[in-house]
């Protein structure tokens, strides 16, 4: 699967299709891990669905199955 930019309504659509639940602002504030925002990672530069999936709290079942079936390495693009 190729990388692409996810911005605006395309980002909202991708996340709504992939995520069963989302992190709340409280979850993010309490996280000890500082990570770049989804806009910086997947809008200003292309990213894979696997990278985008890390911004979901819980993935929808069909995406979990897809990642397991095809293997995470195929979706992971690494840091650029």
Protein backbone atom coordinates (compact mmCIF):
# COMPACT_ATOMS: atom_id res chain seq x y z
CA UNK A 1 0.00 0.00 0.00
CA UNK A 2 1.41 3.35 -0.98
CA UNK A 3 1.88 6.35 1.22
CA UNK A 4 -0.24 9.44 0.67
CA UNK A 5 -1.06 12.74 2.30
CA UNK A 6 -4.10 12.82 4.56
CA UNK A 7 -5.36 16.39 5.03
CA UNK A 8 -8.73 18.01 5.78
CA UNK A 9 -11.77 15.94 4.90
CA UNK A 10 -9.58 13.11 3.57
CA UNK A 11 -7.96 12.79 7.01
CA UNK A 12 -11.32 12.91 8.78
CA UNK A 13 -12.74 10.25 6.45
CA UNK A 14 -9.72 7.94 6.82
CA UNK A 15 -9.80 8.19 10.60
CA UNK A 16 -13.56 7.66 10.81
CA UNK A 17 -13.27 4.54 8.64
CA UNK A 18 -10.30 3.09 10.55
CA UNK A 19 -10.86 4.08 14.20
CA UNK A 20 -13.42 2.49 16.50
CA UNK A 21 -12.46 5.01 19.20
CA UNK A 22 -10.18 8.01 19.56
CA UNK A 23 -7.82 9.36 22.20
CA UNK A 24 -9.35 12.12 24.30
CA UNK A 25 -7.45 15.35 25.01
CA UNK A 26 -6.98 14.04 28.58
CA UNK A 27 -5.41 10.80 27.26
CA UNK A 28 -2.97 12.81 25.17
CA UNK A 29 -2.12 15.24 27.98
CA UNK A 30 -1.40 12.39 30.40
CA UNK A 31 0.79 10.49 27.94
CA UNK A 32 4.46 10.45 28.89
CA UNK A 33 5.38 9.98 25.24
CA UNK A 34 5.70 13.16 23.24
CA UNK A 35 4.89 12.50 19.62
CA UNK A 36 4.35 14.66 16.62
CA UNK A 37 0.83 15.60 15.66
CA UNK A 38 -1.11 13.79 12.98
CA UNK A 39 -1.08 16.87 10.72
CA UNK A 40 2.71 17.11 10.83
CA UNK A 41 3.14 13.39 10.20
CA UNK A 42 0.40 12.63 7.65
CA UNK A 43 -0.61 15.93 6.04
CA UNK A 44 2.61 17.83 5.42
CA UNK A 45 4.26 14.57 4.32
CA UNK A 46 2.85 11.32 2.98
CA UNK A 47 2.28 8.48 5.45
CA UNK A 48 0.98 4.92 5.35
CA UNK A 49 -2.30 3.65 6.77
CA UNK A 50 -0.24 1.76 9.34
CA UNK A 51 1.31 5.01 10.61
CA UNK A 52 -2.09 6.73 10.54
CA UNK A 53 -3.59 3.86 12.55
CA UNK A 54 -1.38 4.75 15.54
CA UNK A 55 -3.56 7.81 16.11
CA UNK A 56 -6.61 5.61 16.83
CA UNK A 57 -7.26 4.50 20.39
CA UNK A 58 -8.97 1.37 19.05
CA UNK A 59 -8.98 0.12 15.46
CA UNK A 60 -12.08 -1.23 13.77
CA UNK A 61 -12.00 -5.04 13.52
CA UNK A 62 -11.56 -5.12 9.75
CA UNK A 63 -8.40 -2.99 9.94
CA UNK A 64 -6.91 -5.13 12.70
CA UNK A 65 -7.54 -8.19 10.53
CA UNK A 66 -6.06 -6.48 7.45
CA UNK A 67 -2.87 -5.46 9.29
CA UNK A 68 -2.48 -8.96 10.74
CA UNK A 69 -3.17 -10.68 7.43
CA UNK A 70 -0.78 -8.58 5.35
CA UNK A 71 1.83 -8.00 8.03
CA UNK A 72 2.74 -4.71 9.68
CA UNK A 73 5.99 -4.32 7.74
CA UNK A 74 4.07 -3.79 4.53
CA UNK A 75 2.30 -0.75 6.06
CA UNK A 76 5.18 0.71 8.03
CA UNK A 77 6.99 3.48 6.21
CA UNK A 78 9.53 4.37 8.88
CA UNK A 79 10.64 7.87 9.84
CA UNK A 80 11.36 10.29 7.08
